[in-house]
Amino acid sequence: QVQLVESGGGLVQAGGSLRLSCAASGSIFGIVAMGWYRQAPEKQRELVAQISRGGARTYAESVKGRFAISRDSVMTTVNLQMDSLKPEDTAVYYCKVVRLGTDYWGKGTLVTVSS
């Protein structure tokens, strides 16, 4: 089992920045990817950004150039730097890791961007 704890959410004005962090613990051996998803009210959960063990990064088109994902070398922490935030970025952000074919999710952290 992998436990995930997110931090860094909050309220920010449009144009501002936030940094989300996710710490993984437990059976971390075998994690092959770490990422962030988000879910806005009445919308489906969507991928925001993902980073693989090899360092390959994937971003949603809507956040390219504004968000940056990073991780530590041992795949225990994944961060999401969010700049130039927009009201449409308001959502609950979830950390996800993939380990041995299984997805593990954090409980989520709320990001609210005011206009």
Protein backbone atom coordinates (compact mmCIF):
# COMPACT_ATOMS: atom_id res chain seq x y z
CA GLN A 1 0.00 0.00 0.00
CA VAL A 2 1.01 3.56 -0.67
CA GLN A 3 -0.17 6.49 1.42
CA LEU A 4 -0.29 9.94 -0.12
CA VAL A 5 -0.62 13.26 1.66
CA GLU A 6 -1.13 16.46 -0.31
CA SER A 7 -0.42 19.97 0.90
CA GLY A 8 -0.26 23.50 -0.44
CA GLY A 9 -3.78 24.24 -1.58
CA GLY A 10 -5.58 27.44 -0.71
CA LEU A 11 -7.11 30.66 -1.96
CA VAL A 12 -5.22 32.86 -4.40
CA GLN A 13 -6.09 35.73 -6.70
CA ALA A 14 -6.00 35.32 -10.44
CA GLY A 15 -2.46 35.70 -11.71
CA GLY A 16 -1.00 34.38 -8.50
CA SER A 17 0.95 31.23 -7.73
CA LEU A 18 0.65 28.17 -5.55
CA ARG A 19 2.86 25.14 -5.03
CA LEU A 20 1.33 21.77 -4.28
CA SER A 21 3.30 18.95 -2.71
CA CYS A 22 2.51 15.29 -2.29
CA ALA A 23 4.44 12.96 -0.02
CA ALA A 24 4.31 9.22 -0.59
CA SER A 25 4.97 6.67 2.14
CA GLY A 26 4.53 2.97 2.71
CA SER A 27 5.40 0.55 -0.09
CA ILE A 28 7.07 3.07 -2.40
CA PHE A 29 9.33 0.60 -4.20
CA GLY A 30 8.07 0.15 -7.72
CA ILE A 31 6.43 3.53 -8.23
CA VAL A 32 6.69 4.27 -11.94
CA ALA A 33 4.75 7.52 -12.26
CA MET A 34 3.51 10.37 -10.10
CA GLY A 35 1.03 12.99 -11.07
CA TRP A 36 -1.68 15.47 -10.33
CA TYR A 37 -5.31 15.40 -11.35
CA ARG A 38 -8.08 17.86 -10.62
CA GLN A 39 -11.82 17.84 -10.37
CA ALA A 40 -13.94 20.96 -10.58
CA PRO A 41 -17.56 21.01 -9.38
CA GLU A 42 -19.81 18.97 -11.66
CA LYS A 43 -16.92 18.04 -13.92
CA GLN A 44 -14.94 14.87 -14.43
CA ARG A 45 -11.55 14.38 -12.90
CA GLU A 46 -8.84 15.27 -15.39
CA LEU A 47 -5.11 14.91 -15.71
CA VAL A 48 -3.15 18.05 -14.94
CA ALA A 49 0.42 16.79 -15.09
CA GLN A 50 2.36 13.58 -14.74
CA ILE A 51 6.02 12.66 -14.45
CA SER A 52 7.49 9.22 -14.99
CA ARG A 53 10.36 7.45 -13.31
CA GLY A 54 12.43 8.36 -16.35
CA GLY A 55 11.53 12.02 -16.05
CA ALA A 56 9.09 12.28 -18.95
CA ARG A 57 6.49 14.96 -18.29
CA THR A 58 2.94 15.20 -19.59
CA TYR A 59 0.75 18.27 -19.19
CA ALA A 60 -2.85 19.12 -19.96
CA GLU A 61 -3.03 21.64 -22.77
CA SER A 62 -4.80 24.09 -20.49
CA VAL A 63 -1.84 24.32 -18.10
CA LYS A 64 1.14 24.14 -20.45
CA GLY A 65 3.50 27.03 -19.88
CA ARG A 66 1.93 27.85 -16.51
CA PHE A 67 2.37 24.72 -14.39
CA ALA A 68 5.52 22.68 -13.76
CA ILE A 69 5.71 19.23 -12.23
CA SER A 70 8.78 17.93 -10.44
CA ARG A 71 9.72 15.02 -8.22
CA ASP A 72 12.56 13.92 -6.02
CA SER A 73 15.04 11.30 -7.16
CA VAL A 74 13.52 8.47 -5.13
CA MET A 75 9.91 9.00 -6.14
CA THR A 76 8.64 9.93 -2.69
CA THR A 77 7.63 13.51 -3.37
CA VAL A 78 5.93 15.16 -6.31
CA ASN A 79 5.37 18.89 -6.59
CA LEU A 80 3.24 21.05 -8.82
CA GLN A 81 4.25 24.67 -9.26
CA MET A 82 1.26 26.61 -10.50
CA ASP A 83 1.82 30.10 -11.88
CA SER A 84 -0.46 32.57 -13.64
CA LEU A 85 -3.45 30.91 -12.05
CA LYS A 86 -6.88 31.47 -13.55
CA PRO A 87 -10.35 31.14 -12.01
CA GLU A 88 -10.91 28.09 -14.21
CA ASP A 89 -8.07 26.36 -12.36
CA THR A 90 -10.31 26.20 -9.29
CA ALA A 91 -10.72 22.55 -8.33
CA VAL A 92 -9.79 19.87 -5.87
CA TYR A 93 -6.32 18.66 -6.83
CA TYR A 94 -5.46 15.02 -6.29
CA CYS A 95 -2.09 13.36 -6.20
CA LYS A 96 -1.81 9.98 -7.89
CA VAL A 97 0.98 7.46 -8.09
CA VAL A 98 1.19 4.30 -10.14
CA ARG A 99 2.88 1.33 -8.56
CA LEU A 100 2.99 -2.18 -9.95
CA GLY A 101 -0.09 -1.59 -12.07
CA THR A 102 -2.16 -0.05 -9.27
CA ASP A 103 -3.24 3.57 -8.93
CA TYR A 104 -3.09 5.19 -5.50
CA TRP A 105 -4.84 8.47 -4.78
CA GLY A 106 -4.52 11.15 -2.16
CA LYS A 107 -7.54 12.73 -0.51
CA GLY A 108 -7.17 15.97 -2.41
CA THR A 109 -6.43 19.59 -1.68
CA LEU A 110 -8.66 22.49 -2.66
CA VAL A 111 -7.34 25.26 -4.88
CA THR A 112 -9.55 28.31 -5.27
CA VAL A 113 -8.62 31.10 -7.67
CA SER A 114 -10.60 34.31 -7.28
CA SER A 115 -11.12 36.73 -10.13
